[in-house]
Amino acid sequence: MTREFTPESIYGLARSFMECRLLLTGIELNLFSLAALAPLSAEEIAGKLKGDLRGTTILLDALSALGFLDKKDNHYRTVSSLIPLLSESAPTSILPGLLHTAHLWQTWSQLTDIVLRGKRDKSGFADDRLSAFIGAMHVGAAGAADGIVAAISPGPAKALIDIGGGSGTYTIAFLKASPEMKATLFDLPPVIEMARKRITEAGMQDRVRLISGDFYKDPLPSGHDLALLSAIIHQNSPEQNRALYEKIFQALDSGGRIIIRDHVMEPDRTRPVSGAIFAVNMLVNTPGGGTYTFEEIRKGLTKAKFDRVKQLQTQGMFSLVEAFKP
């Protein structure tokens, strides 16, 4: 279906970055945590930020106009209904995900140059950005993990390996659903420490083996009957994915199953829209990543000697593909 545009709607889309930038600056400055406890004047907030009073005041007024802050008697306070979402101390805070989005602003700003030059500026994850990224992945997975596990239906599986498992959100969901299951979570050393904290808080440290490594360079531990590859294949080139599938094949026992959770694109790559946009995110953030069609995923898995490749679920980033080791 063709999307209908008007001059006004095009201008609106082109200028929508302005409201986004206001919110992201508020997030980067942690304004909503700062103004959560009590109303503060612009002078007080500028002082706490060690910022410019004029700039702070204009930003606070704009965020108030957008509905993020309440302004009364020249004092500002975070709207009460937003405190559970935007305050760093709230257990339901989505702040890590928004901080990660703020970091993406810089890489997306390179898009025109990347399209013209075919390459991007190298940018790894500094410690603060890695923490925000892993936190964002938890925020995105927390509400969906139980449903994903139910859709996968782990059945009699007893030994899970969660490759690039982040802070353990999916590992914990699997173990909750399968009391007899034990798990191995494999990720980079700094991420393993984040996972250790969350898994300990969940009281599951005796059921999870935490192994640090780089799946691009290191072999995966063997002896598993279920492998989860969640939100990983989009950051890889097809060649990187095939190499990873081969490692997972070796890590699985005969009859073991691999589950891929990611975008699965329609053949023409324009649907789902979220997947087409996410491919751009990979263009500006990775050397060779993108989003893949089912046929491309099937082909990679088959070359790695998996069989019975099937799409279990079509649901944006939460689409699921399974395959088995003969």
C-alpha atoms as a PDB file:
ATOM      1  CA  MET A   1       0.000   0.000   0.000  1.00  0.00           C
ATOM      2  CA  THR A   2       1.421   3.372  -1.066  1.00  0.00           C
ATOM      3  CA  ARG A   3       1.874   5.871   1.727  1.00  0.00           C
ATOM      4  CA  GLU A   4       0.162   9.205   1.114  1.00  0.00           C
ATOM      5  CA  PHE A   5       2.257  12.337   1.715  1.00  0.00           C
ATOM      6  CA  THR A   6       1.432  16.030   1.760  1.00  0.00           C
ATOM      7  CA  PRO A   7       3.873  18.959   1.959  1.00  0.00           C
ATOM      8  CA  GLU A   8       2.849  19.377   5.594  1.00  0.00           C
ATOM      9  CA  SER A   9       3.413  15.720   6.480  1.00  0.00           C
ATOM     10  CA  ILE A  10       6.810  15.738   4.779  1.00  0.00           C
ATOM     11  CA  TYR A  11       7.845  18.853   6.682  1.00  0.00           C
ATOM     12  CA  GLY A  12       6.541  17.269   9.871  1.00  0.00           C
ATOM     13  CA  LEU A  13       8.608  14.151   9.306  1.00  0.00           C
ATOM     14  CA  ALA A  14      11.732  16.154   8.408  1.00  0.00           C
ATOM     15  CA  ARG A  15      11.433  18.273  11.546  1.00  0.00           C
ATOM     16  CA  SER A  16      10.506  15.484  13.933  1.00  0.00           C
ATOM     17  CA  PHE A  17      14.174  15.247  14.895  1.00  0.00           C
ATOM     18  CA  MET A  18      13.743  18.446  16.895  1.00  0.00           C
ATOM     19  CA  GLU A  19      11.449  16.912  19.496  1.00  0.00           C
ATOM     20  CA  CYS A  20      13.622  13.787  19.532  1.00  0.00           C
ATOM     21  CA  ARG A  21      16.725  15.869  20.196  1.00  0.00           C
ATOM     22  CA  LEU A  22      15.049  17.709  23.073  1.00  0.00           C
ATOM     23  CA  LEU A  23      14.088  14.443  24.753  1.00  0.00           C
ATOM     24  CA  LEU A  24      17.496  12.860  24.182  1.00  0.00           C
ATOM     25  CA  THR A  25      19.322  15.871  25.604  1.00  0.00           C
ATOM     26  CA  GLY A  26      17.094  15.677  28.664  1.00  0.00           C
ATOM     27  CA  ILE A  27      18.018  11.991  28.937  1.00  0.00           C
ATOM     28  CA  GLU A  28      21.744  12.607  28.500  1.00  0.00           C
ATOM     29  CA  LEU A  29      21.665  15.291  31.201  1.00  0.00           C
ATOM     30  CA  ASN A  30      19.562  13.012  33.458  1.00  0.00           C
ATOM     31  CA  LEU A  31      17.134  15.907  33.911  1.00  0.00           C
ATOM     32  CA  PHE A  32      14.143  13.705  34.657  1.00  0.00           C
ATOM     33  CA  SER A  33      15.883  12.005  37.575  1.00  0.00           C
ATOM     34  CA  LEU A  34      17.138  15.363  38.798  1.00  0.00           C
ATOM     35  CA  ALA A  35      13.662  16.911  38.784  1.00  0.00           C
ATOM     36  CA  ALA A  36      11.828  13.838  40.068  1.00  0.00           C
ATOM     37  CA  LEU A  37      11.991  14.489  43.817  1.00  0.00           C
ATOM     38  CA  ALA A  38      11.077  18.165  44.118  1.00  0.00           C
ATOM     39  CA  PRO A  39      10.408  21.217  41.938  1.00  0.00           C
ATOM     40  CA  LEU A  40      13.616  23.032  41.027  1.00  0.00           C
ATOM     41  CA  SER A  41      14.276  26.433  39.494  1.00  0.00           C
ATOM     42  CA  ALA A  42      16.240  26.825  36.292  1.00  0.00           C
ATOM     43  CA  GLU A  43      19.039  28.341  38.361  1.00  0.00           C
ATOM     44  CA  GLU A  44      19.135  25.300  40.651  1.00  0.00           C
ATOM     45  CA  ILE A  45      19.126  22.863  37.740  1.00  0.00           C
ATOM     46  CA  ALA A  46      21.808  24.785  35.828  1.00  0.00           C
ATOM     47  CA  GLY A  47      23.907  24.785  38.986  1.00  0.00           C
ATOM     48  CA  LYS A  48      23.573  21.029  39.447  1.00  0.00           C
ATOM     49  CA  LEU A  49      24.464  20.487  35.782  1.00  0.00           C
ATOM     50  CA  LYS A  50      27.239  23.064  35.890  1.00  0.00           C
ATOM     51  CA  GLY A  51      25.548  24.314  32.738  1.00  0.00           C
ATOM     52  CA  ASP A  52      24.620  27.574  31.052  1.00  0.00           C
ATOM     53  CA  LEU A  53      21.544  29.240  32.562  1.00  0.00           C
ATOM     54  CA  ARG A  54      20.114  30.522  29.276  1.00  0.00           C
ATOM     55  CA  GLY A  55      20.498  27.158  27.545  1.00  0.00           C
ATOM     56  CA  THR A  56      19.133  25.275  30.551  1.00  0.00           C
ATOM     57  CA  THR A  57      16.082  27.533  30.801  1.00  0.00           C
ATOM     58  CA  ILE A  58      15.201  27.252  27.113  1.00  0.00           C
ATOM     59  CA  LEU A  59      15.570  23.455  27.250  1.00  0.00           C
ATOM     60  CA  LEU A  60      13.422  23.187  30.397  1.00  0.00           C
ATOM     61  CA  ASP A  61      10.692  25.340  28.852  1.00  0.00           C
ATOM     62  CA  ALA A  62      10.679  23.246  25.674  1.00  0.00           C
ATOM     63  CA  LEU A  63      10.479  19.979  27.637  1.00  0.00           C
ATOM     64  CA  SER A  64       7.629  21.489  29.634  1.00  0.00           C
ATOM     65  CA  ALA A  65       5.860  22.444  26.399  1.00  0.00           C
ATOM     66  CA  LEU A  66       6.210  18.833  25.215  1.00  0.00           C
ATOM     67  CA  GLY A  67       4.689  17.528  28.434  1.00  0.00           C
ATOM     68  CA  PHE A  68       7.747  15.927  30.039  1.00  0.00           C
ATOM     69  CA  LEU A  69       8.069  18.530  32.812  1.00  0.00           C
ATOM     70  CA  ASP A  70       5.508  20.440  34.871  1.00  0.00           C
ATOM     71  CA  LYS A  71       6.359  24.141  35.183  1.00  0.00           C
ATOM     72  CA  LYS A  72       4.820  26.120  38.043  1.00  0.00           C
ATOM     73  CA  ASP A  73       6.027  29.367  39.607  1.00  0.00           C
ATOM     74  CA  ASN A  74       9.220  29.140  37.513  1.00  0.00           C
ATOM     75  CA  HIS A  75      10.045  25.747  38.984  1.00  0.00           C
ATOM     76  CA  TYR A  76      10.206  22.497  37.051  1.00  0.00           C
ATOM     77  CA  ARG A  77       9.375  18.964  38.052  1.00  0.00           C
ATOM     78  CA  THR A  78       9.213  15.698  36.102  1.00  0.00           C
ATOM     79  CA  VAL A  79       5.605  14.814  35.275  1.00  0.00           C
ATOM     80  CA  SER A  80       4.624  12.299  37.960  1.00  0.00           C
ATOM     81  CA  SER A  81       3.383   9.636  35.541  1.00  0.00           C
ATOM     82  CA  LEU A  82       6.791   9.673  33.806  1.00  0.00           C
ATOM     83  CA  ILE A  83       8.928   9.213  36.916  1.00  0.00           C
ATOM     84  CA  PRO A  84       8.631   5.375  36.819  1.00  0.00           C
ATOM     85  CA  LEU A  85       9.918   5.463  33.227  1.00  0.00           C
ATOM     86  CA  LEU A  86      12.506   8.238  33.217  1.00  0.00           C
ATOM     87  CA  SER A  87      14.018   8.291  36.710  1.00  0.00           C
ATOM     88  CA  GLU A  88      17.226   6.282  37.083  1.00  0.00           C
ATOM     89  CA  SER A  89      16.187   4.984  40.503  1.00  0.00           C
ATOM     90  CA  ALA A  90      12.869   3.489  39.339  1.00  0.00           C
ATOM     91  CA  PRO A  91      12.883  -0.301  38.829  1.00  0.00           C
ATOM     92  CA  THR A  92      10.700   0.148  35.725  1.00  0.00           C
ATOM     93  CA  SER A  93      12.954   2.821  34.210  1.00  0.00           C
ATOM     94  CA  ILE A  94      13.564   2.716  30.447  1.00  0.00           C
ATOM     95  CA  LEU A  95      16.463   5.137  30.832  1.00  0.00           C
ATOM     96  CA  PRO A  96      19.153   2.661  29.630  1.00  0.00           C
ATOM     97  CA  GLY A  97      17.284   2.145  26.375  1.00  0.00           C
ATOM     98  CA  LEU A  98      16.914   5.870  25.852  1.00  0.00           C
ATOM     99  CA  LEU A  99      20.605   6.457  26.605  1.00  0.00           C
ATOM    100  CA  HIS A 100      21.443   3.897  23.942  1.00  0.00           C
ATOM    101  CA  THR A 101      19.147   5.774  21.544  1.00  0.00           C
ATOM    102  CA  ALA A 102      20.996   8.993  22.361  1.00  0.00           C
ATOM    103  CA  HIS A 103      24.269   7.277  21.456  1.00  0.00           C
ATOM    104  CA  LEU A 104      22.770   6.194  18.127  1.00  0.00           C
ATOM    105  CA  TRP A 105      22.168   9.846  17.259  1.00  0.00           C
ATOM    106  CA  GLN A 106      25.879  10.254  16.576  1.00  0.00           C
ATOM    107  CA  THR A 107      26.206   7.252  14.276  1.00  0.00           C
ATOM    108  CA  TRP A 108      22.979   8.001  12.392  1.00  0.00           C
ATOM    109  CA  SER A 109      24.296  11.514  11.748  1.00  0.00           C
ATOM    110  CA  GLN A 110      26.928   9.886   9.503  1.00  0.00           C
ATOM    111  CA  LEU A 111      24.330   8.275   7.220  1.00  0.00           C
ATOM    112  CA  THR A 112      24.729  10.580   4.205  1.00  0.00           C
ATOM    113  CA  ASP A 113      28.517  10.235   4.255  1.00  0.00           C
ATOM    114  CA  ILE A 114      28.272   6.447   4.675  1.00  0.00           C
ATOM    115  CA  VAL A 115      25.966   6.129   1.678  1.00  0.00           C
ATOM    116  CA  LEU A 116      28.370   8.231  -0.404  1.00  0.00           C
ATOM    117  CA  ARG A 117      31.688   6.796   0.842  1.00  0.00           C
ATOM    118  CA  GLY A 118      30.635   3.238   1.630  1.00  0.00           C
ATOM    119  CA  LYS A 119      32.333   3.237   5.001  1.00  0.00           C
ATOM    120  CA  ARG A 120      31.761   4.622   8.464  1.00  0.00           C
ATOM    121  CA  ASP A 121      33.926   6.045  11.217  1.00  0.00           C
ATOM    122  CA  LYS A 122      34.987   3.293  13.574  1.00  0.00           C
ATOM    123  CA  SER A 123      33.192   3.495  16.899  1.00  0.00           C
ATOM    124  CA  GLY A 124      33.363   0.835  19.558  1.00  0.00           C
ATOM    125  CA  PHE A 125      31.528   0.681  22.855  1.00  0.00           C
ATOM    126  CA  ALA A 126      33.108   2.642  25.683  1.00  0.00           C
ATOM    127  CA  ASP A 127      32.262   1.276  29.120  1.00  0.00           C
ATOM    128  CA  ASP A 128      29.364   3.689  29.628  1.00  0.00           C
ATOM    129  CA  ARG A 129      27.944   2.931  26.194  1.00  0.00           C
ATOM    130  CA  LEU A 130      28.278  -0.816  26.638  1.00  0.00           C
ATOM    131  CA  SER A 131      26.403  -0.567  29.920  1.00  0.00           C
ATOM    132  CA  ALA A 132      23.654   1.487  28.270  1.00  0.00           C
ATOM    133  CA  PHE A 133      23.459  -0.968  25.364  1.00  0.00           C
ATOM    134  CA  ILE A 134      23.147  -4.036  27.614  1.00  0.00           C
ATOM    135  CA  GLY A 135      20.627  -2.156  29.746  1.00  0.00           C
ATOM    136  CA  ALA A 136      18.672  -1.288  26.598  1.00  0.00           C
ATOM    137  CA  MET A 137      18.642  -4.936  25.561  1.00  0.00           C
ATOM    138  CA  HIS A 138      17.235  -5.879  28.973  1.00  0.00           C
ATOM    139  CA  VAL A 139      14.547  -3.185  28.755  1.00  0.00           C
ATOM    140  CA  GLY A 140      13.555  -4.437  25.308  1.00  0.00           C
ATOM    141  CA  ALA A 141      13.499  -8.092  26.354  1.00  0.00           C
ATOM    142  CA  ALA A 142      12.022  -7.892  29.852  1.00  0.00           C
ATOM    143  CA  GLY A 143       8.411  -7.626  28.777  1.00  0.00           C
ATOM    144  CA  ALA A 144       8.710 -10.110  25.923  1.00  0.00           C
ATOM    145  CA  ALA A 145      10.949 -12.869  27.286  1.00  0.00           C
ATOM    146  CA  ASP A 146       8.255 -15.065  28.848  1.00  0.00           C
ATOM    147  CA  GLY A 147       6.172 -14.955  25.668  1.00  0.00           C
ATOM    148  CA  ILE A 148       9.195 -15.749  23.517  1.00  0.00           C
ATOM    149  CA  VAL A 149      10.063 -18.760  25.659  1.00  0.00           C
ATOM    150  CA  ALA A 150       6.461 -19.969  25.414  1.00  0.00           C
ATOM    151  CA  ALA A 151       6.539 -19.603  21.616  1.00  0.00           C
ATOM    152  CA  ILE A 152       9.803 -21.554  21.453  1.00  0.00           C
ATOM    153  CA  SER A 153       8.415 -24.275  23.748  1.00  0.00           C
ATOM    154  CA  PRO A 154      11.673 -25.662  25.160  1.00  0.00           C
ATOM    155  CA  GLY A 155      10.005 -29.001  25.957  1.00  0.00           C
ATOM    156  CA  PRO A 156      12.462 -31.605  27.258  1.00  0.00           C
ATOM    157  CA  ALA A 157      15.566 -29.464  26.674  1.00  0.00           C
ATOM    158  CA  LYS A 158      17.872 -29.606  29.673  1.00  0.00           C
ATOM    159  CA  ALA A 159      20.984 -27.654  28.622  1.00  0.00           C
ATOM    160  CA  LEU A 160      20.644 -24.181  27.114  1.00  0.00           C
ATOM    161  CA  ILE A 161      23.443 -22.079  25.684  1.00  0.00           C
ATOM    162  CA  ASP A 162      22.578 -18.392  25.344  1.00  0.00           C
ATOM    163  CA  ILE A 163      25.122 -16.949  22.896  1.00  0.00           C
ATOM    164  CA  GLY A 164      25.673 -13.230  23.347  1.00  0.00           C
ATOM    165  CA  GLY A 165      23.160 -13.509  26.163  1.00  0.00           C
ATOM    166  CA  GLY A 166      23.729 -10.048  27.626  1.00  0.00           C
ATOM    167  CA  SER A 167      22.679  -9.656  31.229  1.00  0.00           C
ATOM    168  CA  GLY A 168      20.684 -12.887  31.188  1.00  0.00           C
ATOM    169  CA  THR A 169      17.094 -11.800  30.590  1.00  0.00           C
ATOM    170  CA  TYR A 170      16.274 -14.712  28.290  1.00  0.00           C
ATOM    171  CA  THR A 171      18.364 -17.193  30.259  1.00  0.00           C
ATOM    172  CA  ILE A 172      16.342 -16.391  33.373  1.00  0.00           C
ATOM    173  CA  ALA A 173      13.053 -16.702  31.461  1.00  0.00           C
ATOM    174  CA  PHE A 174      14.028 -20.149  30.145  1.00  0.00           C
ATOM    175  CA  LEU A 175      15.038 -21.367  33.600  1.00  0.00           C
ATOM    176  CA  LYS A 176      11.784 -20.112  35.099  1.00  0.00           C
ATOM    177  CA  ALA A 177       9.820 -22.014  32.466  1.00  0.00           C
ATOM    178  CA  SER A 178      11.896 -25.228  32.731  1.00  0.00           C
ATOM    179  CA  PRO A 179      12.802 -26.071  36.343  1.00  0.00           C
ATOM    180  CA  GLU A 180      15.065 -28.970  35.266  1.00  0.00           C
ATOM    181  CA  MET A 181      17.056 -26.874  32.801  1.00  0.00           C
ATOM    182  CA  LYS A 182      20.560 -25.541  33.356  1.00  0.00           C
ATOM    183  CA  ALA A 183      22.182 -22.900  31.187  1.00  0.00           C
ATOM    184  CA  THR A 184      25.444 -21.533  29.864  1.00  0.00           C
ATOM    185  CA  LEU A 185      25.583 -17.817  29.130  1.00  0.00           C
ATOM    186  CA  PHE A 186      28.409 -16.833  26.774  1.00  0.00           C
ATOM    187  CA  ASP A 187      29.373 -13.190  26.268  1.00  0.00           C
ATOM    188  CA  LEU A 188      32.228 -10.697  26.524  1.00  0.00           C
ATOM    189  CA  PRO A 189      33.955 -10.380  29.924  1.00  0.00           C
ATOM    190  CA  PRO A 190      32.423  -7.015  30.946  1.00  0.00           C
ATOM    191  CA  VAL A 191      28.953  -8.266  30.001  1.00  0.00           C
ATOM    192  CA  ILE A 192      29.416 -11.463  32.001  1.00  0.00           C
ATOM    193  CA  GLU A 193      29.846  -9.348  35.131  1.00  0.00           C
ATOM    194  CA  MET A 194      26.542  -7.592  34.394  1.00  0.00           C
ATOM    195  CA  ALA A 195      24.910 -11.000  33.897  1.00  0.00           C
ATOM    196  CA  ARG A 196      26.374 -12.284  37.161  1.00  0.00           C
ATOM    197  CA  LYS A 197      24.625  -9.484  39.044  1.00  0.00           C
ATOM    198  CA  ARG A 198      21.222 -10.011  37.447  1.00  0.00           C
ATOM    199  CA  ILE A 199      21.335 -13.812  37.672  1.00  0.00           C
ATOM    200  CA  THR A 200      22.394 -13.649  41.323  1.00  0.00           C
ATOM    201  CA  GLU A 201      19.533 -11.268  42.053  1.00  0.00           C
ATOM    202  CA  ALA A 202      17.204 -13.827  40.435  1.00  0.00           C
ATOM    203  CA  GLY A 203      18.616 -16.550  42.692  1.00  0.00           C
ATOM    204  CA  MET A 204      19.687 -18.697  39.731  1.00  0.00           C
ATOM    205  CA  GLN A 205      23.459 -18.591  40.083  1.00  0.00           C
ATOM    206  CA  ASP A 206      23.591 -22.347  40.788  1.00  0.00           C
ATOM    207  CA  ARG A 207      21.877 -23.135  37.482  1.00  0.00           C
ATOM    208  CA  VAL A 208      23.896 -20.868  35.188  1.00  0.00           C
ATOM    209  CA  ARG A 209      27.466 -21.277  34.017  1.00  0.00           C
ATOM    210  CA  LEU A 210      28.895 -17.906  32.996  1.00  0.00           C
ATOM    211  CA  ILE A 211      31.621 -18.144  30.365  1.00  0.00           C
ATOM    212  CA  SER A 212      33.377 -15.121  28.940  1.00  0.00           C
ATOM    213  CA  GLY A 213      34.642 -15.062  25.381  1.00  0.00           C
ATOM    214  CA  ASP A 214      34.292 -13.576  21.929  1.00  0.00           C
ATOM    215  CA  PHE A 215      32.144 -15.677  19.615  1.00  0.00           C
ATOM    216  CA  TYR A 216      33.950 -14.199  16.616  1.00  0.00           C
ATOM    217  CA  LYS A 217      37.254 -15.654  17.842  1.00  0.00           C
ATOM    218  CA  ASP A 218      36.607 -18.342  20.446  1.00  0.00           C
ATOM    219  CA  PRO A 219      34.930 -21.757  20.273  1.00  0.00           C
ATOM    220  CA  LEU A 220      31.673 -22.223  22.145  1.00  0.00           C
ATOM    221  CA  PRO A 221      31.391 -24.709  25.011  1.00  0.00           C
ATOM    222  CA  SER A 222      29.772 -27.989  23.955  1.00  0.00           C
ATOM    223  CA  GLY A 223      27.158 -30.284  25.477  1.00  0.00           C
ATOM    224  CA  HIS A 224      23.892 -28.417  24.879  1.00  0.00           C
ATOM    225  CA  ASP A 225      20.546 -29.422  23.432  1.00  0.00           C
ATOM    226  CA  LEU A 226      19.176 -25.905  22.901  1.00  0.00           C
ATOM    227  CA  ALA A 227      20.973 -22.808  21.616  1.00  0.00           C
ATOM    228  CA  LEU A 228      19.545 -19.284  21.648  1.00  0.00           C
ATOM    229  CA  LEU A 229      20.918 -16.654  19.273  1.00  0.00           C
ATOM    230  CA  SER A 230      18.897 -13.614  20.226  1.00  0.00           C
ATOM    231  CA  ALA A 231      19.309 -10.295  18.382  1.00  0.00           C
ATOM    232  CA  ILE A 232      22.758 -11.263  17.106  1.00  0.00           C
ATOM    233  CA  ILE A 233      22.551 -12.084  13.406  1.00  0.00           C
ATOM    234  CA  HIS A 234      21.663  -8.526  12.396  1.00  0.00           C
ATOM    235  CA  GLN A 235      25.058  -7.251  13.580  1.00  0.00           C
ATOM    236  CA  ASN A 236      26.889  -9.766  11.357  1.00  0.00           C
ATOM    237  CA  SER A 237      27.625 -10.172   7.675  1.00  0.00           C
ATOM    238  CA  PRO A 238      26.317 -13.355   6.025  1.00  0.00           C
ATOM    239  CA  GLU A 239      29.827 -14.817   6.259  1.00  0.00           C
ATOM    240  CA  GLN A 240      30.054 -14.039   9.962  1.00  0.00           C
ATOM    241  CA  ASN A 241      26.668 -15.630  10.557  1.00  0.00           C
ATOM    242  CA  ARG A 242      27.630 -18.802   8.742  1.00  0.00           C
ATOM    243  CA  ALA A 243      30.817 -19.085  10.827  1.00  0.00           C
ATOM    244  CA  LEU A 244      28.762 -18.578  13.981  1.00  0.00           C
ATOM    245  CA  TYR A 245      26.175 -21.167  12.928  1.00  0.00           C
ATOM    246  CA  GLU A 246      29.016 -23.655  12.445  1.00  0.00           C
ATOM    247  CA  LYS A 247      30.284 -22.983  15.972  1.00  0.00           C
ATOM    248  CA  ILE A 248      26.790 -23.442  17.370  1.00  0.00           C
ATOM    249  CA  PHE A 249      26.451 -26.698  15.417  1.00  0.00           C
ATOM    250  CA  GLN A 250      29.539 -27.971  17.238  1.00  0.00           C
ATOM    251  CA  ALA A 251      28.222 -26.779  20.606  1.00  0.00           C
ATOM    252  CA  LEU A 252      24.962 -28.744  20.212  1.00  0.00           C
ATOM    253  CA  ASP A 253      24.419 -32.427  20.863  1.00  0.00           C
ATOM    254  CA  SER A 254      22.886 -34.524  18.079  1.00  0.00           C
ATOM    255  CA  GLY A 255      19.197 -33.616  17.821  1.00  0.00           C
ATOM    256  CA  GLY A 256      19.817 -30.230  19.423  1.00  0.00           C
ATOM    257  CA  ARG A 257      17.928 -27.149  18.314  1.00  0.00           C
ATOM    258  CA  ILE A 258      19.037 -23.623  17.446  1.00  0.00           C
ATOM    259  CA  ILE A 259      16.614 -20.718  17.884  1.00  0.00           C
ATOM    260  CA  ILE A 260      17.242 -17.385  16.156  1.00  0.00           C
ATOM    261  CA  ARG A 261      15.332 -14.331  17.364  1.00  0.00           C
ATOM    262  CA  ASP A 262      15.612 -11.344  15.065  1.00  0.00           C
ATOM    263  CA  HIS A 263      13.977  -9.445  12.232  1.00  0.00           C
ATOM    264  CA  VAL A 264      12.980 -11.704   9.348  1.00  0.00           C
ATOM    265  CA  MET A 265      12.424  -9.692   6.194  1.00  0.00           C
ATOM    266  CA  GLU A 266      10.011 -10.365   3.353  1.00  0.00           C
ATOM    267  CA  PRO A 267      11.755 -11.191   0.055  1.00  0.00           C
ATOM    268  CA  ASP A 268      11.616  -7.624  -1.290  1.00  0.00           C
ATOM    269  CA  ARG A 269      13.216  -6.261   1.945  1.00  0.00           C
ATOM    270  CA  THR A 270      10.723  -3.404   2.343  1.00  0.00           C
ATOM    271  CA  ARG A 271       8.574  -5.200   4.917  1.00  0.00           C
ATOM    272  CA  PRO A 272       8.367  -5.094   7.814  1.00  0.00           C
ATOM    273  CA  VAL A 273       9.119  -1.364   7.867  1.00  0.00           C
ATOM    274  CA  SER A 274      10.827  -1.712  11.254  1.00  0.00           C
ATOM    275  CA  GLY A 275      13.238  -4.220   9.747  1.00  0.00           C
ATOM    276  CA  ALA A 276      14.059  -2.005   6.768  1.00  0.00           C
ATOM    277  CA  ILE A 277      14.834   0.879   9.126  1.00  0.00           C
ATOM    278  CA  PHE A 278      16.821  -1.403  11.406  1.00  0.00           C
ATOM    279  CA  ALA A 279      18.998  -2.397   8.442  1.00  0.00           C
ATOM    280  CA  VAL A 280      20.013   1.266   8.257  1.00  0.00           C
ATOM    281  CA  ASN A 281      20.871   1.126  11.960  1.00  0.00           C
ATOM    282  CA  MET A 282      23.238  -1.719  11.152  1.00  0.00           C
ATOM    283  CA  LEU A 283      24.651   0.174   8.158  1.00  0.00           C
ATOM    284  CA  VAL A 284      25.726   3.059  10.377  1.00  0.00           C
ATOM    285  CA  ASN A 285      26.833   0.953  13.344  1.00  0.00           C
ATOM    286  CA  THR A 286      28.461  -2.210  11.969  1.00  0.00           C
ATOM    287  CA  PRO A 287      30.901  -3.101   9.186  1.00  0.00           C
ATOM    288  CA  GLY A 288      28.643  -5.683   7.545  1.00  0.00           C
ATOM    289  CA  GLY A 289      25.402  -6.135   9.460  1.00  0.00           C
ATOM    290  CA  GLY A 290      21.858  -5.934   8.171  1.00  0.00           C
ATOM    291  CA  THR A 291      18.484  -7.620   8.343  1.00  0.00           C
ATOM    292  CA  TYR A 292      17.865 -10.924   6.567  1.00  0.00           C
ATOM    293  CA  THR A 293      15.095 -12.767   4.782  1.00  0.00           C
ATOM    294  CA  PHE A 294      14.008 -16.218   5.873  1.00  0.00           C
ATOM    295  CA  GLU A 295      15.610 -17.692   2.761  1.00  0.00           C
ATOM    296  CA  GLU A 296      18.953 -16.083   3.621  1.00  0.00           C
ATOM    297  CA  ILE A 297      18.766 -17.392   7.175  1.00  0.00           C
ATOM    298  CA  ARG A 298      17.738 -20.848   5.927  1.00  0.00           C
ATOM    299  CA  LYS A 299      20.600 -20.914   3.437  1.00  0.00           C
ATOM    300  CA  GLY A 300      23.179 -20.022   6.100  1.00  0.00           C
ATOM    301  CA  LEU A 301      21.873 -22.626   8.521  1.00  0.00           C
ATOM    302  CA  THR A 302      21.740 -25.304   5.838  1.00  0.00           C
ATOM    303  CA  LYS A 303      25.331 -24.610   4.812  1.00  0.00           C
ATOM    304  CA  ALA A 304      26.272 -25.102   8.464  1.00  0.00           C
ATOM    305  CA  LYS A 305      24.591 -28.563   8.226  1.00  0.00           C
ATOM    306  CA  PHE A 306      21.417 -27.761  10.169  1.00  0.00           C
ATOM    307  CA  ASP A 307      18.157 -29.160   8.835  1.00  0.00           C
ATOM    308  CA  ARG A 308      14.388 -28.777   9.397  1.00  0.00           C
ATOM    309  CA  VAL A 309      14.643 -24.992   9.224  1.00  0.00           C
ATOM    310  CA  LYS A 310      11.305 -23.388  10.055  1.00  0.00           C
ATOM    311  CA  GLN A 311       9.956 -19.946  10.947  1.00  0.00           C
ATOM    312  CA  LEU A 312       8.076 -20.245  14.224  1.00  0.00           C
ATOM    313  CA  GLN A 313       6.862 -16.679  14.606  1.00  0.00           C
ATOM    314  CA  THR A 314       6.636 -13.491  12.538  1.00  0.00           C
ATOM    315  CA  GLN A 315       6.647 -10.516  14.875  1.00  0.00           C
ATOM    316  CA  GLY A 316       9.173  -7.814  13.944  1.00  0.00           C
ATOM    317  CA  MET A 317      12.379  -8.084  15.967  1.00  0.00           C
ATOM    318  CA  PHE A 318      10.738 -10.920  17.907  1.00  0.00           C
ATOM    319  CA  SER A 319      10.448 -13.207  14.887  1.00  0.00           C
ATOM    320  CA  LEU A 320      11.716 -16.741  15.506  1.00  0.00           C
ATOM    321  CA  VAL A 321      13.456 -19.301  13.302  1.00  0.00           C
ATOM    322  CA  GLU A 322      14.402 -22.800  14.431  1.00  0.00           C
ATOM    323  CA  ALA A 323      16.625 -25.520  12.997  1.00  0.00           C
ATOM    324  CA  PHE A 324      17.998 -28.850  14.210  1.00  0.00           C
ATOM    325  CA  LYS A 325      21.323 -30.629  14.275  1.00  0.00           C
ATOM    326  CA  PRO A 326      20.807 -34.079  12.730  1.00  0.00           C
END
